[in-house]
PDB file of N, CA and C in Angstrom:
ATOM      1  N   MET A   1      -5.342   4.751  19.297  1.00  0.00           N
ATOM      2  CA  MET A   1      -5.759   5.998  18.535  1.00  0.00           C
ATOM      3  C   MET A   1      -5.649   5.832  16.820  1.00  0.00           C
ATOM      4  N   TYR A   2      -6.664   6.671  16.297  1.00  0.00           N
ATOM      5  CA  TYR A   2      -6.541   6.792  14.995  1.00  0.00           C
ATOM      6  C   TYR A   2      -6.456   7.958  14.577  1.00  0.00           C
ATOM      7  N   ILE A   3      -5.218   8.015  13.011  1.00  0.00           N
ATOM      8  CA  ILE A   3      -5.699   9.807  12.315  1.00  0.00           C
ATOM      9  C   ILE A   3      -6.615   9.484  11.542  1.00  0.00           C
ATOM     10  N   LYS A   4      -7.885  11.005  11.694  1.00  0.00           N
ATOM     11  CA  LYS A   4      -8.685  11.021  11.136  1.00  0.00           C
ATOM     12  C   LYS A   4      -8.195  12.038   9.907  1.00  0.00           C
ATOM     13  N   GLY A   5      -8.585  11.649   8.600  1.00  0.00           N
ATOM     14  CA  GLY A   5      -7.901  12.628   7.440  1.00  0.00           C
ATOM     15  C   GLY A   5      -8.234  12.681   6.075  1.00  0.00           C
ATOM     16  N   THR A   6      -7.437  12.601   5.336  1.00  0.00           N
ATOM     17  CA  THR A   6      -7.687  12.754   4.052  1.00  0.00           C
ATOM     18  C   THR A   6      -7.082  11.023   3.532  1.00  0.00           C
ATOM     19  N   GLU A   7      -7.663  10.620   2.510  1.00  0.00           N
ATOM     20  CA  GLU A   7      -6.703   9.655   2.015  1.00  0.00           C
ATOM     21  C   GLU A   7      -5.123   9.688   1.972  1.00  0.00           C
ATOM     22  N   GLU A   8      -5.024  10.695   1.183  1.00  0.00           N
ATOM     23  CA  GLU A   8      -3.365  11.186   0.951  1.00  0.00           C
ATOM     24  C   GLU A   8      -2.837  11.504   2.350  1.00  0.00           C
ATOM     25  N   GLN A   9      -3.361  12.261   3.397  1.00  0.00           N
ATOM     26  CA  GLN A   9      -2.830  11.871   4.558  1.00  0.00           C
ATOM     27  C   GLN A   9      -2.297  10.682   4.940  1.00  0.00           C
ATOM     28  N   CYS A  10      -3.474   9.829   5.150  1.00  0.00           N
ATOM     29  CA  CYS A  10      -3.297   8.382   5.644  1.00  0.00           C
ATOM     30  C   CYS A  10      -2.648   7.951   4.920  1.00  0.00           C
ATOM     31  N   LEU A  11      -2.169   7.781   3.556  1.00  0.00           N
ATOM     32  CA  LEU A  11      -1.785   7.068   2.691  1.00  0.00           C
ATOM     33  C   LEU A  11       0.138   7.303   3.300  1.00  0.00           C
ATOM     34  N   ALA A  12       0.094   8.689   2.994  1.00  0.00           N
ATOM     35  CA  ALA A  12       1.662   9.428   3.466  1.00  0.00           C
ATOM     36  C   ALA A  12       2.276   8.952   4.846  1.00  0.00           C
ATOM     37  N   TYR A  13       1.085   9.006   5.853  1.00  0.00           N
ATOM     38  CA  TYR A  13       1.443   8.270   7.200  1.00  0.00           C
ATOM     39  C   TYR A  13       1.736   6.562   7.304  1.00  0.00           C
ATOM     40  N   ASN A  14       1.332   5.961   6.623  1.00  0.00           N
ATOM     41  CA  ASN A  14       1.288   4.534   6.337  1.00  0.00           C
ATOM     42  C   ASN A  14       2.762   3.964   5.886  1.00  0.00           C
ATOM     43  N   ALA A  15       3.266   5.308   4.786  1.00  0.00           N
ATOM     44  CA  ALA A  15       4.514   5.015   3.784  1.00  0.00           C
ATOM     45  C   ALA A  15       5.737   5.221   4.898  1.00  0.00           C
ATOM     46  N   GLU A  16       5.074   6.770   5.768  1.00  0.00           N
ATOM     47  CA  GLU A  16       6.162   6.571   6.912  1.00  0.00           C
ATOM     48  C   GLU A  16       6.757   5.696   7.722  1.00  0.00           C
ATOM     49  N   VAL A  17       5.534   5.229   8.139  1.00  0.00           N
ATOM     50  CA  VAL A  17       5.299   4.120   9.012  1.00  0.00           C
ATOM     51  C   VAL A  17       6.393   2.626   8.534  1.00  0.00           C
ATOM     52  N   THR A  18       5.822   2.238   7.387  1.00  0.00           N
ATOM     53  CA  THR A  18       6.339   0.901   6.360  1.00  0.00           C
ATOM     54  C   THR A  18       7.225   1.386   6.520  1.00  0.00           C
ATOM     55  N   ALA A  19       8.046   2.679   5.974  1.00  0.00           N
ATOM     56  CA  ALA A  19       9.539   2.650   5.368  1.00  0.00           C
ATOM     57  C   ALA A  19      10.235   2.841   6.917  1.00  0.00           C
ATOM     58  N   GLY A  20       9.988   3.534   7.916  1.00  0.00           N
ATOM     59  CA  GLY A  20      10.635   3.135   9.508  1.00  0.00           C
ATOM     60  C   GLY A  20      10.915   2.205   9.420  1.00  0.00           C
ATOM     61  N   GLU A  21      10.139   1.151   9.664  1.00  0.00           N
ATOM     62  CA  GLU A  21      10.053  -0.034  10.309  1.00  0.00           C
ATOM     63  C   GLU A  21      10.636  -1.467   9.443  1.00  0.00           C
ATOM     64  N   ASN A  22      10.804  -0.582   7.952  1.00  0.00           N
ATOM     65  CA  ASN A  22      11.925  -2.012   6.864  1.00  0.00           C
ATOM     66  C   ASN A  22      10.694  -2.946   7.008  1.00  0.00           C
ATOM     67  N   TYR A  23       9.379  -2.830   6.817  1.00  0.00           N
ATOM     68  CA  TYR A  23       8.904  -4.016   6.403  1.00  0.00           C
ATOM     69  C   TYR A  23       9.415  -4.460   5.059  1.00  0.00           C
ATOM     70  N   SER A  24       9.154  -6.211   5.252  1.00  0.00           N
ATOM     71  CA  SER A  24       9.245  -7.003   3.818  1.00  0.00           C
ATOM     72  C   SER A  24       8.706  -7.997   4.557  1.00  0.00           C
ATOM     73  N   GLY A  25       8.447  -9.351   3.347  1.00  0.00           N
ATOM     74  CA  GLY A  25       7.995 -10.771   3.698  1.00  0.00           C
ATOM     75  C   GLY A  25       7.036 -10.819   3.637  1.00  0.00           C
ATOM     76  N   VAL A  26       6.397 -11.241   4.746  1.00  0.00           N
ATOM     77  CA  VAL A  26       4.962 -11.155   4.888  1.00  0.00           C
ATOM     78  C   VAL A  26       4.460  -9.866   5.335  1.00  0.00           C
ATOM     79  N   THR A  27       4.786  -9.361   6.073  1.00  0.00           N
ATOM     80  CA  THR A  27       4.179  -7.328   6.465  1.00  0.00           C
ATOM     81  C   THR A  27       4.968  -6.842   5.416  1.00  0.00           C
ATOM     82  N   VAL A  28       3.968  -5.788   4.375  1.00  0.00           N
ATOM     83  CA  VAL A  28       4.275  -5.396   3.672  1.00  0.00           C
ATOM     84  C   VAL A  28       3.857  -4.142   4.051  1.00  0.00           C
ATOM     85  N   ARG A  29       3.332  -3.575   4.738  1.00  0.00           N
ATOM     86  CA  ARG A  29       3.174  -2.016   5.052  1.00  0.00           C
ATOM     87  C   ARG A  29       2.218  -1.833   6.194  1.00  0.00           C
ATOM     88  N   TRP A  30       2.344  -1.277   6.798  1.00  0.00           N
ATOM     89  CA  TRP A  30       1.452  -0.652   8.613  1.00  0.00           C
ATOM     90  C   TRP A  30       0.164  -1.088   8.462  1.00  0.00           C
ATOM     91  N   GLU A  31      -0.583  -0.041   7.883  1.00  0.00           N
ATOM     92  CA  GLU A  31      -1.846   0.124   7.648  1.00  0.00           C
ATOM     93  C   GLU A  31      -2.922  -0.112   6.590  1.00  0.00           C
ATOM     94  N   ILE A  32      -3.770  -0.436   6.305  1.00  0.00           N
ATOM     95  CA  ILE A  32      -4.477  -0.179   5.209  1.00  0.00           C
ATOM     96  C   ILE A  32      -5.823   1.184   5.660  1.00  0.00           C
ATOM     97  N   PRO A  33      -6.199   2.441   5.277  1.00  0.00           N
ATOM     98  CA  PRO A  33      -6.997   3.161   5.721  1.00  0.00           C
ATOM     99  C   PRO A  33      -8.143   2.588   5.581  1.00  0.00           C
ATOM    100  N   ILE A  34      -8.789   3.417   6.309  1.00  0.00           N
ATOM    101  CA  ILE A  34     -10.637   3.289   6.112  1.00  0.00           C
ATOM    102  C   ILE A  34     -11.176   3.746   6.112  1.00  0.00           C
ATOM    103  N   MET A  35     -12.074   4.218   4.964  1.00  0.00           N
ATOM    104  CA  MET A  35     -13.013   5.198   4.621  1.00  0.00           C
ATOM    105  C   MET A  35     -14.028   5.140   5.488  1.00  0.00           C
ATOM    106  N   ILE A  36     -14.926   5.857   6.526  1.00  0.00           N
ATOM    107  CA  ILE A  36     -15.971   5.757   7.103  1.00  0.00           C
ATOM    108  C   ILE A  36     -16.978   7.689   6.596  1.00  0.00           C
ATOM    109  N   GLU A  37     -17.730   7.284   6.379  1.00  0.00           N
ATOM    110  CA  GLU A  37     -18.707   8.674   6.382  1.00  0.00           C
ATOM    111  C   GLU A  37     -18.014   9.768   5.590  1.00  0.00           C
ATOM    112  N   GLY A  38     -16.989   9.383   3.942  1.00  0.00           N
ATOM    113  CA  GLY A  38     -16.119  10.596   3.815  1.00  0.00           C
ATOM    114  C   GLY A  38     -14.912  11.307   4.431  1.00  0.00           C
ATOM    115  N   PHE A  39     -14.658  10.389   5.629  1.00  0.00           N
ATOM    116  CA  PHE A  39     -13.434  10.625   5.946  1.00  0.00           C
ATOM    117  C   PHE A  39     -12.531   9.478   5.932  1.00  0.00           C
ATOM    118  N   TYR A  40     -11.447   9.370   5.947  1.00  0.00           N
ATOM    119  CA  TYR A  40     -10.292   8.390   6.058  1.00  0.00           C
ATOM    120  C   TYR A  40      -9.377   8.016   7.266  1.00  0.00           C
ATOM    121  N   TYR A  41      -9.335   6.805   7.830  1.00  0.00           N
ATOM    122  CA  TYR A  41      -8.534   6.830   9.474  1.00  0.00           C
ATOM    123  C   TYR A  41      -7.673   5.679   9.315  1.00  0.00           C
ATOM    124  N   ILE A  42      -6.666   5.979  10.236  1.00  0.00           N
ATOM    125  CA  ILE A  42      -5.505   4.765  10.309  1.00  0.00           C
ATOM    126  C   ILE A  42      -5.013   4.714  11.666  1.00  0.00           C
ATOM    127  N   LEU A  43      -4.461   3.541  12.174  1.00  0.00           N
ATOM    128  CA  LEU A  43      -4.225   3.402  13.471  1.00  0.00           C
ATOM    129  C   LEU A  43      -2.689   3.805  13.495  1.00  0.00           C
ATOM    130  N   VAL A  44      -3.019   4.768  14.882  1.00  0.00           N
ATOM    131  CA  VAL A  44      -1.650   5.373  14.920  1.00  0.00           C
ATOM    132  C   VAL A  44      -0.429   4.535  15.344  1.00  0.00           C
ATOM    133  N   ASN A  45       0.358   4.546  14.922  1.00  0.00           N
ATOM    134  CA  ASN A  45       1.773   3.639  15.606  1.00  0.00           C
ATOM    135  C   ASN A  45       2.347   4.725  16.625  1.00  0.00           C
ATOM    136  N   ASN A  46       2.473   4.294  17.503  1.00  0.00           N
ATOM    137  CA  ASN A  46       3.118   5.389  18.942  1.00  0.00           C
ATOM    138  C   ASN A  46       4.340   5.681  18.509  1.00  0.00           C
ATOM    139  N   LYS A  47       5.446   4.719  17.700  1.00  0.00           N
ATOM    140  CA  LYS A  47       6.555   5.643  17.793  1.00  0.00           C
ATOM    141  C   LYS A  47       6.931   6.241  16.587  1.00  0.00           C
ATOM    142  N   TYR A  48       5.592   6.572  15.764  1.00  0.00           N
ATOM    143  CA  TYR A  48       5.680   7.633  15.004  1.00  0.00           C
ATOM    144  C   TYR A  48       4.646   9.019  15.333  1.00  0.00           C
ATOM    145  N   PRO A  49       4.979   9.692  15.878  1.00  0.00           N
ATOM    146  CA  PRO A  49       4.079  10.777  16.336  1.00  0.00           C
ATOM    147  C   PRO A  49       3.322  11.597  15.210  1.00  0.00           C
ATOM    148  N   THR A  50       2.122  11.952  15.535  1.00  0.00           N
ATOM    149  CA  THR A  50       1.552  12.770  14.134  1.00  0.00           C
ATOM    150  C   THR A  50       1.213  14.049  14.366  1.00  0.00           C
ATOM    151  N   THR A  51       1.206  14.998  13.887  1.00  0.00           N
ATOM    152  CA  THR A  51       0.284  16.252  14.109  1.00  0.00           C
ATOM    153  C   THR A  51      -1.280  15.991  13.418  1.00  0.00           C
ATOM    154  N   LEU A  52      -0.990  15.283  13.406  1.00  0.00           N
ATOM    155  CA  LEU A  52      -2.793  15.114  12.257  1.00  0.00           C
ATOM    156  C   LEU A  52      -4.032  14.997  13.261  1.00  0.00           C
ATOM    157  N   PRO A  53      -5.059  15.384  12.790  1.00  0.00           N
ATOM    158  CA  PRO A  53      -6.249  15.272  13.650  1.00  0.00           C
ATOM    159  C   PRO A  53      -6.251  13.487  14.007  1.00  0.00           C
ATOM    160  N   THR A  54      -6.751  13.436  15.465  1.00  0.00           N
ATOM    161  CA  THR A  54      -6.512  11.647  15.680  1.00  0.00           C
ATOM    162  C   THR A  54      -8.079  11.764  16.787  1.00  0.00           C
ATOM    163  N   VAL A  55      -8.656  10.682  16.365  1.00  0.00           N
ATOM    164  CA  VAL A  55      -9.761  10.027  17.507  1.00  0.00           C
ATOM    165  C   VAL A  55      -9.488   8.704  18.503  1.00  0.00           C
ATOM    166  N   PRO A  56      -9.817   8.526  19.426  1.00  0.00           N
ATOM    167  CA  PRO A  56      -9.812   7.846  20.254  1.00  0.00           C
ATOM    168  C   PRO A  56     -10.474   6.438  20.062  1.00  0.00           C
ATOM    169  N   ASN A  57     -11.312   6.544  18.714  1.00  0.00           N
ATOM    170  CA  ASN A  57     -12.165   5.284  18.494  1.00  0.00           C
ATOM    171  C   ASN A  57     -12.844   5.457  16.936  1.00  0.00           C
ATOM    172  N   LEU A  58     -12.880   4.498  16.420  1.00  0.00           N
ATOM    173  CA  LEU A  58     -13.191   4.721  15.237  1.00  0.00           C
ATOM    174  C   LEU A  58     -14.867   4.866  14.729  1.00  0.00           C
ATOM    175  N   PRO A  59     -15.202   5.559  14.612  1.00  0.00           N
ATOM    176  CA  PRO A  59     -16.988   5.677  14.111  1.00  0.00           C
ATOM    177  C   PRO A  59     -17.582   4.597  14.053  1.00  0.00           C
ATOM    178  N   PRO A  60     -18.962   4.276  14.559  1.00  0.00           N
ATOM    179  CA  PRO A  60     -19.794   3.133  14.433  1.00  0.00           C
ATOM    180  C   PRO A  60     -19.706   3.159  12.657  1.00  0.00           C
ATOM    181  N   GLN A  61     -19.603   1.970  12.300  1.00  0.00           N
ATOM    182  CA  GLN A  61     -19.505   1.559  10.843  1.00  0.00           C
ATOM    183  C   GLN A  61     -20.674   1.437  10.217  1.00  0.00           C
ATOM    184  N   PRO A  62     -21.606   1.721   8.911  1.00  0.00           N
ATOM    185  CA  PRO A  62     -22.683   1.668   8.611  1.00  0.00           C
ATOM    186  C   PRO A  62     -22.664  -0.147   8.574  1.00  0.00           C
ATOM    187  N   GLU A  63     -23.909  -0.761   8.909  1.00  0.00           N
ATOM    188  CA  GLU A  63     -24.017  -2.416   8.460  1.00  0.00           C
ATOM    189  C   GLU A  63     -24.117  -2.300   6.991  1.00  0.00           C
ATOM    190  N   LEU A  64     -23.042  -3.631   6.721  1.00  0.00           N
ATOM    191  CA  LEU A  64     -23.248  -3.487   5.223  1.00  0.00           C
ATOM    192  C   LEU A  64     -24.703  -4.983   4.947  1.00  0.00           C
ATOM    193  N   GLU A  65     -25.149  -4.683   3.626  1.00  0.00           N
ATOM    194  CA  GLU A  65     -26.157  -4.768   3.695  1.00  0.00           C
ATOM    195  C   GLU A  65     -26.464  -6.336   2.890  1.00  0.00           C
ATOM    196  N   GLU A  66     -26.944  -7.219   3.795  1.00  0.00           N
ATOM    197  CA  GLU A  66     -27.268  -8.273   3.288  1.00  0.00           C
ATOM    198  C   GLU A  66     -27.213  -8.672   1.268  1.00  0.00           C
ATOM    199  N   LEU A  67     -26.601  -9.498   0.925  1.00  0.00           N
ATOM    200  CA  LEU A  67     -26.654  -9.737  -0.446  1.00  0.00           C
ATOM    201  C   LEU A  67     -28.215 -10.552  -0.874  1.00  0.00           C
TER     202      LEU A  67
END
């Protein structure tokens, strides 16, 4: 499940999970938000519930153009 929100919402959720898990060393954050079609998405950590809108899967991502 993924949170679908603004960049600020996703970064705030990431900061909450990162602080709660006390990451240090190799792992320094929970997740990096992904922008798709104007929305940001971040994976939900089941230990940290959210009231933000969620979706079961990421939407299809546009294909990257070959260089």
